[in-house]
């Protein structure tokens, strides 16, 4: 699994093509999403002097929710708008591994670097999954991420969540 995470971090196109084709890598993708968001949530808590446990829990919860939403939206956009060829489990796998760079967010204030890196990884992942051009992969990634971000902001507003909140743990 470590070798696969390193390949994901190195933006290895052949690796992302393998992930798209290999259904047995779903479990690893699930672990990557959880671990990367656990570390990112902890780093956000360190940076804001919030509860590390709360940051970790919120990171994992929002990470999994974001992964499910972003993968679904990217699939719809990629297939219906840009004529790609993929399915939901395949999109979950490739985007799941693209989440790996978020783990560097454990270092306070490096979350932005990890997020930008993850977006680059997602372009490569979506291109491999959909089997279409880089331009279409960039558009699919950007639109899917924008919908995910909008959903997160909307939910935070409706539910009154504050990512900087310290829970009583």
C-alpha atoms as a PDB file:
ATOM      1  CA  UNK A   1       0.000   0.000   0.000  1.00  0.00           C
ATOM      2  CA  UNK A   2       2.863   2.412   0.790  1.00  0.00           C
ATOM      3  CA  UNK A   3       4.205   1.929  -2.743  1.00  0.00           C
ATOM      4  CA  UNK A   4       0.771   2.818  -4.127  1.00  0.00           C
ATOM      5  CA  UNK A   5       0.545   5.969  -1.998  1.00  0.00           C
ATOM      6  CA  UNK A   6       3.998   7.030  -3.188  1.00  0.00           C
ATOM      7  CA  UNK A   7       2.933   6.449  -6.804  1.00  0.00           C
ATOM      8  CA  UNK A   8      -0.180   8.539  -6.174  1.00  0.00           C
ATOM      9  CA  UNK A   9       1.907  11.322  -4.641  1.00  0.00           C
ATOM     10  CA  UNK A  10       4.312  11.240  -7.593  1.00  0.00           C
ATOM     11  CA  UNK A  11       1.353  11.733  -9.959  1.00  0.00           C
ATOM     12  CA  UNK A  12       2.226   8.515 -11.787  1.00  0.00           C
ATOM     13  CA  UNK A  13      -0.133   8.271 -14.757  1.00  0.00           C
ATOM     14  CA  UNK A  14       0.422   4.526 -15.174  1.00  0.00           C
ATOM     15  CA  UNK A  15      -0.476   3.999 -11.518  1.00  0.00           C
ATOM     16  CA  UNK A  16      -3.746   5.938 -11.838  1.00  0.00           C
ATOM     17  CA  UNK A  17      -4.584   3.891 -14.957  1.00  0.00           C
ATOM     18  CA  UNK A  18      -3.991   0.731 -12.917  1.00  0.00           C
ATOM     19  CA  UNK A  19      -6.219   2.043 -10.114  1.00  0.00           C
ATOM     20  CA  UNK A  20      -8.988   2.742 -12.630  1.00  0.00           C
ATOM     21  CA  UNK A  21      -8.806  -0.843 -13.869  1.00  0.00           C
ATOM     22  CA  UNK A  22      -8.166  -2.690 -10.590  1.00  0.00           C
ATOM     23  CA  UNK A  23     -11.314  -3.085  -8.481  1.00  0.00           C
ATOM     24  CA  UNK A  24      -9.330  -4.694  -5.659  1.00  0.00           C
ATOM     25  CA  UNK A  25      -7.766  -1.303  -4.803  1.00  0.00           C
ATOM     26  CA  UNK A  26     -11.016   0.129  -3.416  1.00  0.00           C
ATOM     27  CA  UNK A  27     -10.105  -0.763   0.166  1.00  0.00           C
ATOM     28  CA  UNK A  28      -6.789   1.040  -0.161  1.00  0.00           C
ATOM     29  CA  UNK A  29      -8.539   4.102  -1.602  1.00  0.00           C
ATOM     30  CA  UNK A  30     -10.871   4.150   1.411  1.00  0.00           C
ATOM     31  CA  UNK A  31      -7.879   4.035   3.760  1.00  0.00           C
ATOM     32  CA  UNK A  32      -6.045   6.784   1.850  1.00  0.00           C
ATOM     33  CA  UNK A  33      -9.041   9.126   2.048  1.00  0.00           C
ATOM     34  CA  UNK A  34      -9.465   8.492   5.771  1.00  0.00           C
ATOM     35  CA  UNK A  35      -5.785   8.784   6.675  1.00  0.00           C
ATOM     36  CA  UNK A  36      -5.124  11.866   4.532  1.00  0.00           C
ATOM     37  CA  UNK A  37      -8.103  13.693   5.999  1.00  0.00           C
ATOM     38  CA  UNK A  38      -7.238  12.562   9.521  1.00  0.00           C
ATOM     39  CA  UNK A  39      -3.801  14.165   9.171  1.00  0.00           C
ATOM     40  CA  UNK A  40      -5.181  17.277   7.459  1.00  0.00           C
ATOM     41  CA  UNK A  41      -7.786  17.702  10.191  1.00  0.00           C
ATOM     42  CA  UNK A  42      -5.144  17.354  12.883  1.00  0.00           C
ATOM     43  CA  UNK A  43      -2.965  19.946  11.167  1.00  0.00           C
ATOM     44  CA  UNK A  44      -5.874  22.369  10.940  1.00  0.00           C
ATOM     45  CA  UNK A  45      -6.494  21.871  14.657  1.00  0.00           C
ATOM     46  CA  UNK A  46      -2.824  22.487  15.460  1.00  0.00           C
ATOM     47  CA  UNK A  47      -2.866  25.673  13.365  1.00  0.00           C
ATOM     48  CA  UNK A  48      -5.979  27.033  15.075  1.00  0.00           C
ATOM     49  CA  UNK A  49      -5.170  25.744  18.554  1.00  0.00           C
ATOM     50  CA  UNK A  50      -8.379  23.712  18.489  1.00  0.00           C
ATOM     51  CA  UNK A  51      -9.029  20.240  19.815  1.00  0.00           C
ATOM     52  CA  UNK A  52      -6.864  17.781  17.859  1.00  0.00           C
ATOM     53  CA  UNK A  53      -9.443  15.039  18.375  1.00  0.00           C
ATOM     54  CA  UNK A  54     -12.215  17.279  17.053  1.00  0.00           C
ATOM     55  CA  UNK A  55     -10.070  18.299  14.089  1.00  0.00           C
ATOM     56  CA  UNK A  56      -9.275  14.690  13.305  1.00  0.00           C
ATOM     57  CA  UNK A  57     -12.912  13.585  13.550  1.00  0.00           C
ATOM     58  CA  UNK A  58     -14.201  16.501  11.485  1.00  0.00           C
ATOM     59  CA  UNK A  59     -11.413  15.963   8.957  1.00  0.00           C
ATOM     60  CA  UNK A  60     -12.309  12.316   8.463  1.00  0.00           C
ATOM     61  CA  UNK A  61     -16.078  12.925   8.357  1.00  0.00           C
ATOM     62  CA  UNK A  62     -15.900  15.810   5.912  1.00  0.00           C
ATOM     63  CA  UNK A  63     -13.221  14.004   3.926  1.00  0.00           C
ATOM     64  CA  UNK A  64     -15.390  10.962   3.306  1.00  0.00           C
ATOM     65  CA  UNK A  65     -18.446  13.081   2.531  1.00  0.00           C
ATOM     66  CA  UNK A  66     -16.440  15.232   0.131  1.00  0.00           C
ATOM     67  CA  UNK A  67     -14.962  12.170  -1.555  1.00  0.00           C
ATOM     68  CA  UNK A  68     -18.407  10.687  -2.194  1.00  0.00           C
ATOM     69  CA  UNK A  69     -19.828  13.971  -3.509  1.00  0.00           C
ATOM     70  CA  UNK A  70     -16.813  14.973  -5.598  1.00  0.00           C
ATOM     71  CA  UNK A  71     -16.548  11.508  -7.169  1.00  0.00           C
ATOM     72  CA  UNK A  72     -20.245  11.490  -8.070  1.00  0.00           C
ATOM     73  CA  UNK A  73     -20.248  14.986  -9.519  1.00  0.00           C
ATOM     74  CA  UNK A  74     -17.020  14.345 -11.441  1.00  0.00           C
ATOM     75  CA  UNK A  75     -18.541  11.164 -12.853  1.00  0.00           C
ATOM     76  CA  UNK A  76     -21.692  12.958 -13.989  1.00  0.00           C
ATOM     77  CA  UNK A  77     -19.758  15.828 -15.561  1.00  0.00           C
ATOM     78  CA  UNK A  78     -17.135  13.604 -17.138  1.00  0.00           C
ATOM     79  CA  UNK A  79     -19.587  11.141 -18.665  1.00  0.00           C
ATOM     80  CA  UNK A  80     -22.554  13.369 -19.529  1.00  0.00           C
ATOM     81  CA  UNK A  81     -20.826  16.611 -20.471  1.00  0.00           C
ATOM     82  CA  UNK A  82     -17.453  15.475 -21.813  1.00  0.00           C
ATOM     83  CA  UNK A  83     -18.258  11.965 -23.062  1.00  0.00           C
ATOM     84  CA  UNK A  84     -15.912  10.075 -20.744  1.00  0.00           C
ATOM     85  CA  UNK A  85     -16.249   6.423 -19.873  1.00  0.00           C
ATOM     86  CA  UNK A  86     -16.189   5.446 -16.196  1.00  0.00           C
ATOM     87  CA  UNK A  87     -18.381   4.252 -13.351  1.00  0.00           C
ATOM     88  CA  UNK A  88     -18.816   5.351  -9.741  1.00  0.00           C
ATOM     89  CA  UNK A  89     -16.587   2.718  -8.067  1.00  0.00           C
ATOM     90  CA  UNK A  90     -13.798   3.488 -10.535  1.00  0.00           C
ATOM     91  CA  UNK A  91     -14.115   7.220  -9.895  1.00  0.00           C
ATOM     92  CA  UNK A  92     -14.084   6.608  -6.143  1.00  0.00           C
ATOM     93  CA  UNK A  93     -10.858   4.629  -6.448  1.00  0.00           C
ATOM     94  CA  UNK A  94      -8.931   7.121  -8.551  1.00  0.00           C
ATOM     95  CA  UNK A  95     -10.078  10.206  -6.651  1.00  0.00           C
ATOM     96  CA  UNK A  96      -9.500   8.351  -3.381  1.00  0.00           C
ATOM     97  CA  UNK A  97      -5.814   7.962  -4.206  1.00  0.00           C
ATOM     98  CA  UNK A  98      -5.700  11.575  -5.399  1.00  0.00           C
ATOM     99  CA  UNK A  99      -6.525  12.573  -1.809  1.00  0.00           C
ATOM    100  CA  UNK A 100      -3.092  11.319  -0.631  1.00  0.00           C
ATOM    101  CA  UNK A 101      -1.330  14.736  -0.766  1.00  0.00           C
ATOM    102  CA  UNK A 102      -3.770  16.146   1.785  1.00  0.00           C
ATOM    103  CA  UNK A 103      -1.791  14.269   4.443  1.00  0.00           C
ATOM    104  CA  UNK A 104       0.937  16.935   4.408  1.00  0.00           C
ATOM    105  CA  UNK A 105      -1.671  19.176   5.986  1.00  0.00           C
ATOM    106  CA  UNK A 106      -0.639  17.686   9.327  1.00  0.00           C
ATOM    107  CA  UNK A 107       2.063  20.349   9.235  1.00  0.00           C
ATOM    108  CA  UNK A 108       0.204  23.521  10.170  1.00  0.00           C
ATOM    109  CA  UNK A 109      -0.424  25.877   7.279  1.00  0.00           C
ATOM    110  CA  UNK A 110       0.605  23.351   4.613  1.00  0.00           C
ATOM    111  CA  UNK A 111      -2.993  22.299   4.017  1.00  0.00           C
ATOM    112  CA  UNK A 112      -3.225  24.624   1.016  1.00  0.00           C
ATOM    113  CA  UNK A 113      -0.183  22.984  -0.588  1.00  0.00           C
ATOM    114  CA  UNK A 114      -1.711  19.550  -0.030  1.00  0.00           C
ATOM    115  CA  UNK A 115      -5.047  20.688  -1.478  1.00  0.00           C
ATOM    116  CA  UNK A 116      -3.405  22.126  -4.604  1.00  0.00           C
ATOM    117  CA  UNK A 117      -1.337  18.960  -5.026  1.00  0.00           C
ATOM    118  CA  UNK A 118      -4.486  16.843  -4.619  1.00  0.00           C
ATOM    119  CA  UNK A 119      -6.198  18.851  -7.363  1.00  0.00           C
ATOM    120  CA  UNK A 120      -3.301  18.113  -9.731  1.00  0.00           C
ATOM    121  CA  UNK A 121      -3.517  14.454  -8.743  1.00  0.00           C
ATOM    122  CA  UNK A 122      -7.264  14.490  -9.400  1.00  0.00           C
ATOM    123  CA  UNK A 123      -6.717  15.797 -12.930  1.00  0.00           C
ATOM    124  CA  UNK A 124      -4.402  12.879 -13.650  1.00  0.00           C
ATOM    125  CA  UNK A 125      -6.752  10.435 -11.903  1.00  0.00           C
ATOM    126  CA  UNK A 126      -9.846  11.618 -13.760  1.00  0.00           C
ATOM    127  CA  UNK A 127      -8.010  11.659 -17.090  1.00  0.00           C
ATOM    128  CA  UNK A 128      -6.943   8.042 -16.506  1.00  0.00           C
ATOM    129  CA  UNK A 129     -10.420   6.977 -15.427  1.00  0.00           C
ATOM    130  CA  UNK A 130     -12.396   8.774 -18.129  1.00  0.00           C
ATOM    131  CA  UNK A 131      -9.858   8.128 -20.884  1.00  0.00           C
ATOM    132  CA  UNK A 132     -10.088  11.627 -22.290  1.00  0.00           C
ATOM    133  CA  UNK A 133      -7.948  14.739 -22.796  1.00  0.00           C
ATOM    134  CA  UNK A 134      -6.175  16.712 -20.105  1.00  0.00           C
ATOM    135  CA  UNK A 135      -8.345  19.755 -20.901  1.00  0.00           C
ATOM    136  CA  UNK A 136     -11.490  17.756 -20.226  1.00  0.00           C
ATOM    137  CA  UNK A 137      -9.948  16.306 -17.079  1.00  0.00           C
ATOM    138  CA  UNK A 138      -9.103  19.804 -15.820  1.00  0.00           C
ATOM    139  CA  UNK A 139     -12.651  21.013 -16.482  1.00  0.00           C
ATOM    140  CA  UNK A 140     -14.163  17.919 -14.846  1.00  0.00           C
ATOM    141  CA  UNK A 141     -11.895  18.265 -11.817  1.00  0.00           C
ATOM    142  CA  UNK A 142     -12.564  21.978 -11.415  1.00  0.00           C
ATOM    143  CA  UNK A 143     -16.339  21.711 -11.789  1.00  0.00           C
ATOM    144  CA  UNK A 144     -16.581  18.683  -9.503  1.00  0.00           C
ATOM    145  CA  UNK A 145     -14.406  20.342  -6.867  1.00  0.00           C
ATOM    146  CA  UNK A 146     -16.394  23.595  -7.097  1.00  0.00           C
ATOM    147  CA  UNK A 147     -19.647  21.700  -6.480  1.00  0.00           C
ATOM    148  CA  UNK A 148     -18.038  19.896  -3.539  1.00  0.00           C
ATOM    149  CA  UNK A 149     -16.762  23.175  -2.089  1.00  0.00           C
ATOM    150  CA  UNK A 150     -20.128  24.869  -2.567  1.00  0.00           C
ATOM    151  CA  UNK A 151     -21.877  21.961  -0.875  1.00  0.00           C
ATOM    152  CA  UNK A 152     -19.451  22.095   2.061  1.00  0.00           C
ATOM    153  CA  UNK A 153     -19.914  25.840   2.500  1.00  0.00           C
ATOM    154  CA  UNK A 154     -23.703  25.504   2.255  1.00  0.00           C
ATOM    155  CA  UNK A 155     -23.820  22.676   4.798  1.00  0.00           C
ATOM    156  CA  UNK A 156     -21.552  24.586   7.152  1.00  0.00           C
ATOM    157  CA  UNK A 157     -23.873  27.582   6.910  1.00  0.00           C
ATOM    158  CA  UNK A 158     -27.055  25.550   7.387  1.00  0.00           C
ATOM    159  CA  UNK A 159     -25.694  23.423  10.212  1.00  0.00           C
ATOM    160  CA  UNK A 160     -23.820  26.278  11.831  1.00  0.00           C
ATOM    161  CA  UNK A 161     -20.559  24.346  11.850  1.00  0.00           C
ATOM    162  CA  UNK A 162     -17.317  26.178  12.273  1.00  0.00           C
ATOM    163  CA  UNK A 163     -14.197  24.336  11.177  1.00  0.00           C
ATOM    164  CA  UNK A 164     -12.299  26.127  13.931  1.00  0.00           C
ATOM    165  CA  UNK A 165     -14.631  24.937  16.683  1.00  0.00           C
ATOM    166  CA  UNK A 166     -13.204  23.115  19.674  1.00  0.00           C
ATOM    167  CA  UNK A 167     -15.445  20.232  20.653  1.00  0.00           C
ATOM    168  CA  UNK A 168     -15.529  19.223  24.319  1.00  0.00           C
ATOM    169  CA  UNK A 169     -13.282  16.148  24.039  1.00  0.00           C
END
